[in-house]
Amino acid sequence: MPKKQKFPYLLGSKWTSHQKMWGWRHFQVITRKNEGKWVFAEMVASCDSNVRFWINARLLKDRSQWQAGWQSLQEMEETHNLALDA
């Protein structure tokens, strides 16, 4: 039985950073790389394909740094406020 792939839906996924990174917040995963037990994602800015970086895919699970999908600042603030009210 083959091993279950970690982060199976990573490739092509879209993310919003809570902090600007190289001037941008919206990114898409264009490549994934397995390095032993680690999975890395190559991110590219949605508005500037020259802005690229690799990130440990586990960091994308940190909701204080990343939101799945492309979110507006207002949507991110509303999500944050809902989390605080809970």
N, C-alpha and C. Protein backbone atom coordinates (compact mmCIF):
# COMPACT_ATOMS: atom_id res chain seq x y z
N MET A 1 0.85 -1.19 0.00
CA MET A 1 0.00 0.00 0.00
C MET A 1 0.89 1.25 0.00
N PRO A 2 0.71 2.17 -0.97
CA PRO A 2 1.56 3.36 -1.03
C PRO A 2 1.30 4.29 0.16
N LYS A 3 2.36 5.03 0.54
CA LYS A 3 2.23 5.98 1.64
C LYS A 3 1.30 7.11 1.23
N LYS A 4 0.53 7.60 2.18
CA LYS A 4 -0.36 8.73 1.94
C LYS A 4 0.48 9.99 1.72
N GLN A 5 0.18 10.72 0.65
CA GLN A 5 0.93 11.93 0.34
C GLN A 5 0.54 13.06 1.30
N LYS A 6 1.55 13.73 1.87
CA LYS A 6 1.28 14.89 2.72
C LYS A 6 0.92 16.07 1.83
N PHE A 7 -0.04 16.84 2.25
CA PHE A 7 -0.49 18.04 1.53
C PHE A 7 -0.87 17.71 0.08
N PRO A 8 -1.83 16.81 -0.13
CA PRO A 8 -2.16 16.37 -1.49
C PRO A 8 -2.72 17.47 -2.39
N TYR A 9 -3.32 18.49 -1.83
CA TYR A 9 -3.94 19.55 -2.64
C TYR A 9 -3.08 20.81 -2.69
N LEU A 10 -1.81 20.70 -2.37
CA LEU A 10 -0.94 21.87 -2.28
C LEU A 10 -0.72 22.54 -3.63
N LEU A 11 -0.41 21.77 -4.64
CA LEU A 11 -0.09 22.32 -5.96
C LEU A 11 -1.29 23.09 -6.53
N GLY A 12 -1.06 24.34 -6.89
CA GLY A 12 -2.12 25.17 -7.45
C GLY A 12 -2.95 25.91 -6.41
N SER A 13 -2.73 25.61 -5.13
CA SER A 13 -3.53 26.26 -4.09
C SER A 13 -3.14 27.74 -3.96
N LYS A 14 -4.09 28.54 -3.48
CA LYS A 14 -3.91 29.99 -3.35
C LYS A 14 -3.92 30.35 -1.88
N TRP A 15 -3.07 31.34 -1.53
CA TRP A 15 -2.89 31.72 -0.13
C TRP A 15 -2.77 33.22 0.02
N THR A 16 -3.23 33.72 1.17
CA THR A 16 -3.08 35.13 1.51
C THR A 16 -2.24 35.22 2.78
N SER A 17 -1.19 36.02 2.70
CA SER A 17 -0.32 36.25 3.84
C SER A 17 -0.89 37.39 4.69
N HIS A 18 -0.82 37.26 6.01
CA HIS A 18 -1.28 38.33 6.89
C HIS A 18 -0.34 39.53 6.83
N GLN A 19 0.92 39.30 6.50
CA GLN A 19 1.91 40.36 6.37
C GLN A 19 2.36 40.42 4.92
N LYS A 20 2.64 41.62 4.44
CA LYS A 20 3.16 41.72 3.08
C LYS A 20 4.52 41.04 3.00
N MET A 21 4.72 40.34 1.91
CA MET A 21 5.99 39.66 1.66
C MET A 21 6.48 40.15 0.31
N TRP A 22 7.60 40.85 0.32
CA TRP A 22 8.13 41.46 -0.91
C TRP A 22 7.08 42.34 -1.58
N GLY A 23 6.25 42.99 -0.76
CA GLY A 23 5.26 43.92 -1.26
C GLY A 23 3.91 43.33 -1.62
N TRP A 24 3.74 42.01 -1.44
CA TRP A 24 2.50 41.34 -1.86
C TRP A 24 1.92 40.48 -0.74
N ARG A 25 0.63 40.19 -0.86
CA ARG A 25 -0.06 39.32 0.11
C ARG A 25 -0.61 38.05 -0.53
N HIS A 26 -0.90 38.07 -1.82
CA HIS A 26 -1.56 36.94 -2.48
C HIS A 26 -0.57 36.11 -3.28
N PHE A 27 -0.58 34.80 -2.99
CA PHE A 27 0.38 33.88 -3.59
C PHE A 27 -0.31 32.61 -4.04
N GLN A 28 0.36 31.90 -4.95
CA GLN A 28 -0.12 30.60 -5.41
C GLN A 28 1.05 29.63 -5.39
N VAL A 29 0.76 28.38 -5.04
CA VAL A 29 1.78 27.33 -5.03
C VAL A 29 1.95 26.83 -6.47
N ILE A 30 3.18 26.93 -7.00
CA ILE A 30 3.41 26.49 -8.37
C ILE A 30 4.23 25.21 -8.45
N THR A 31 4.95 24.87 -7.38
CA THR A 31 5.77 23.66 -7.35
C THR A 31 5.79 23.14 -5.92
N ARG A 32 5.86 21.83 -5.78
CA ARG A 32 6.06 21.24 -4.46
C ARG A 32 7.29 20.35 -4.52
N LYS A 33 7.94 20.20 -3.38
CA LYS A 33 9.15 19.39 -3.33
C LYS A 33 9.15 18.63 -2.01
N ASN A 34 9.37 17.33 -2.09
CA ASN A 34 9.50 16.50 -0.89
C ASN A 34 10.98 16.34 -0.58
N GLU A 35 11.34 16.66 0.64
CA GLU A 35 12.73 16.51 1.12
C GLU A 35 12.67 15.68 2.39
N GLY A 36 12.79 14.37 2.25
CA GLY A 36 12.67 13.50 3.42
C GLY A 36 11.28 13.61 3.99
N LYS A 37 11.18 13.94 5.29
CA LYS A 37 9.86 14.06 5.91
C LYS A 37 9.24 15.44 5.71
N TRP A 38 9.95 16.36 5.07
CA TRP A 38 9.47 17.73 4.88
C TRP A 38 8.87 17.91 3.49
N VAL A 39 7.87 18.77 3.42
CA VAL A 39 7.28 19.15 2.13
C VAL A 39 7.44 20.66 1.99
N PHE A 40 7.95 21.09 0.85
CA PHE A 40 8.15 22.51 0.59
C PHE A 40 7.29 22.94 -0.58
N ALA A 41 6.85 24.19 -0.54
CA ALA A 41 6.03 24.75 -1.61
C ALA A 41 6.75 25.97 -2.18
N GLU A 42 6.79 26.04 -3.52
CA GLU A 42 7.31 27.25 -4.15
C GLU A 42 6.12 28.17 -4.38
N MET A 43 6.19 29.34 -3.79
CA MET A 43 5.12 30.32 -3.87
C MET A 43 5.49 31.39 -4.90
N VAL A 44 4.50 31.87 -5.62
CA VAL A 44 4.70 32.98 -6.56
C VAL A 44 3.60 34.01 -6.28
N ALA A 45 3.99 35.28 -6.28
CA ALA A 45 3.02 36.35 -6.06
C ALA A 45 2.04 36.39 -7.23
N SER A 46 0.77 36.57 -6.93
CA SER A 46 -0.25 36.56 -7.97
C SER A 46 -0.11 37.74 -8.93
N CYS A 47 0.43 38.85 -8.47
CA CYS A 47 0.53 40.05 -9.31
C CYS A 47 1.93 40.28 -9.87
N ASP A 48 2.90 39.46 -9.46
CA ASP A 48 4.27 39.65 -9.93
C ASP A 48 4.98 38.30 -9.95
N SER A 49 5.05 37.68 -11.13
CA SER A 49 5.61 36.33 -11.23
C SER A 49 7.11 36.29 -10.95
N ASN A 50 7.75 37.45 -10.82
CA ASN A 50 9.17 37.48 -10.45
C ASN A 50 9.39 37.29 -8.96
N VAL A 51 8.33 37.46 -8.16
CA VAL A 51 8.42 37.28 -6.71
C VAL A 51 8.11 35.82 -6.40
N ARG A 52 9.16 35.06 -6.07
CA ARG A 52 9.04 33.63 -5.78
C ARG A 52 9.86 33.28 -4.54
N PHE A 53 9.39 32.32 -3.79
CA PHE A 53 10.15 31.84 -2.64
C PHE A 53 9.65 30.45 -2.26
N TRP A 54 10.49 29.71 -1.55
CA TRP A 54 10.13 28.39 -1.04
C TRP A 54 9.77 28.52 0.43
N ILE A 55 8.77 27.74 0.85
CA ILE A 55 8.32 27.76 2.24
C ILE A 55 7.99 26.33 2.67
N ASN A 56 8.27 26.03 3.92
CA ASN A 56 7.85 24.73 4.47
C ASN A 56 6.33 24.72 4.47
N ALA A 57 5.72 23.73 3.84
CA ALA A 57 4.26 23.68 3.69
C ALA A 57 3.55 23.68 5.04
N ARG A 58 4.19 23.20 6.07
CA ARG A 58 3.56 23.21 7.41
C ARG A 58 3.24 24.63 7.88
N LEU A 59 4.05 25.59 7.46
CA LEU A 59 3.83 26.98 7.87
C LEU A 59 2.52 27.53 7.33
N LEU A 60 2.03 26.97 6.23
CA LEU A 60 0.77 27.43 5.66
C LEU A 60 -0.42 27.07 6.55
N LYS A 61 -0.23 26.14 7.46
CA LYS A 61 -1.31 25.77 8.39
C LYS A 61 -1.46 26.77 9.54
N ASP A 62 -0.49 27.65 9.71
CA ASP A 62 -0.51 28.64 10.79
C ASP A 62 -1.46 29.78 10.40
N ARG A 63 -2.67 29.77 10.94
CA ARG A 63 -3.70 30.75 10.59
C ARG A 63 -3.36 32.17 11.05
N SER A 64 -2.36 32.32 11.92
CA SER A 64 -1.95 33.67 12.30
C SER A 64 -1.03 34.29 11.24
N GLN A 65 -0.55 33.45 10.28
CA GLN A 65 0.32 33.95 9.22
C GLN A 65 -0.30 33.83 7.84
N TRP A 66 -1.10 32.79 7.60
CA TRP A 66 -1.63 32.48 6.27
C TRP A 66 -3.11 32.15 6.34
N GLN A 67 -3.85 32.54 5.29
CA GLN A 67 -5.24 32.16 5.09
C GLN A 67 -5.32 31.43 3.76
N ALA A 68 -6.07 30.35 3.71
CA ALA A 68 -6.27 29.64 2.45
C ALA A 68 -7.14 30.51 1.54
N GLY A 69 -6.82 30.51 0.26
CA GLY A 69 -7.55 31.31 -0.71
C GLY A 69 -7.03 32.73 -0.73
N TRP A 70 -7.53 33.50 -1.66
CA TRP A 70 -7.17 34.92 -1.73
C TRP A 70 -8.23 35.71 -1.00
N GLN A 71 -7.83 36.35 0.08
CA GLN A 71 -8.74 37.09 0.94
C GLN A 71 -8.44 38.58 0.84
N SER A 72 -9.48 39.41 0.94
CA SER A 72 -9.27 40.85 1.03
C SER A 72 -8.89 41.18 2.46
N LEU A 73 -8.35 42.37 2.68
CA LEU A 73 -8.01 42.78 4.04
C LEU A 73 -9.24 42.78 4.93
N GLN A 74 -10.38 43.19 4.39
CA GLN A 74 -11.62 43.20 5.16
C GLN A 74 -12.02 41.79 5.56
N GLU A 75 -11.94 40.85 4.62
CA GLU A 75 -12.29 39.45 4.93
C GLU A 75 -11.35 38.89 5.99
N MET A 76 -10.08 39.21 5.90
CA MET A 76 -9.12 38.71 6.89
C MET A 76 -9.42 39.29 8.26
N GLU A 77 -9.78 40.56 8.31
CA GLU A 77 -10.10 41.20 9.59
C GLU A 77 -11.36 40.59 10.20
N GLU A 78 -12.37 40.33 9.37
CA GLU A 78 -13.60 39.70 9.86
C GLU A 78 -13.33 38.30 10.40
N THR A 79 -12.51 37.53 9.69
CA THR A 79 -12.16 36.19 10.14
C THR A 79 -11.41 36.26 11.46
N HIS A 80 -10.52 37.21 11.58
CA HIS A 80 -9.73 37.37 12.81
C HIS A 80 -10.66 37.74 13.97
N ASN A 81 -11.60 38.67 13.74
CA ASN A 81 -12.53 39.10 14.80
C ASN A 81 -13.44 37.95 15.22
N LEU A 82 -13.89 37.11 14.27
CA LEU A 82 -14.71 35.96 14.62
C LEU A 82 -13.95 34.99 15.51
N ALA A 83 -12.66 34.79 15.20
CA ALA A 83 -11.83 33.90 16.00
C ALA A 83 -11.66 34.43 17.41
N LEU A 84 -11.54 35.75 17.54
CA LEU A 84 -11.39 36.35 18.88
C LEU A 84 -12.67 36.25 19.70
N ASP A 85 -13.82 36.32 19.03
CA ASP A 85 -15.12 36.24 19.73
C ASP A 85 -15.42 34.82 20.21
N ALA A 86 -14.83 33.83 19.58
CA ALA A 86 -15.14 32.44 19.90
C ALA A 86 -14.54 32.02 21.22
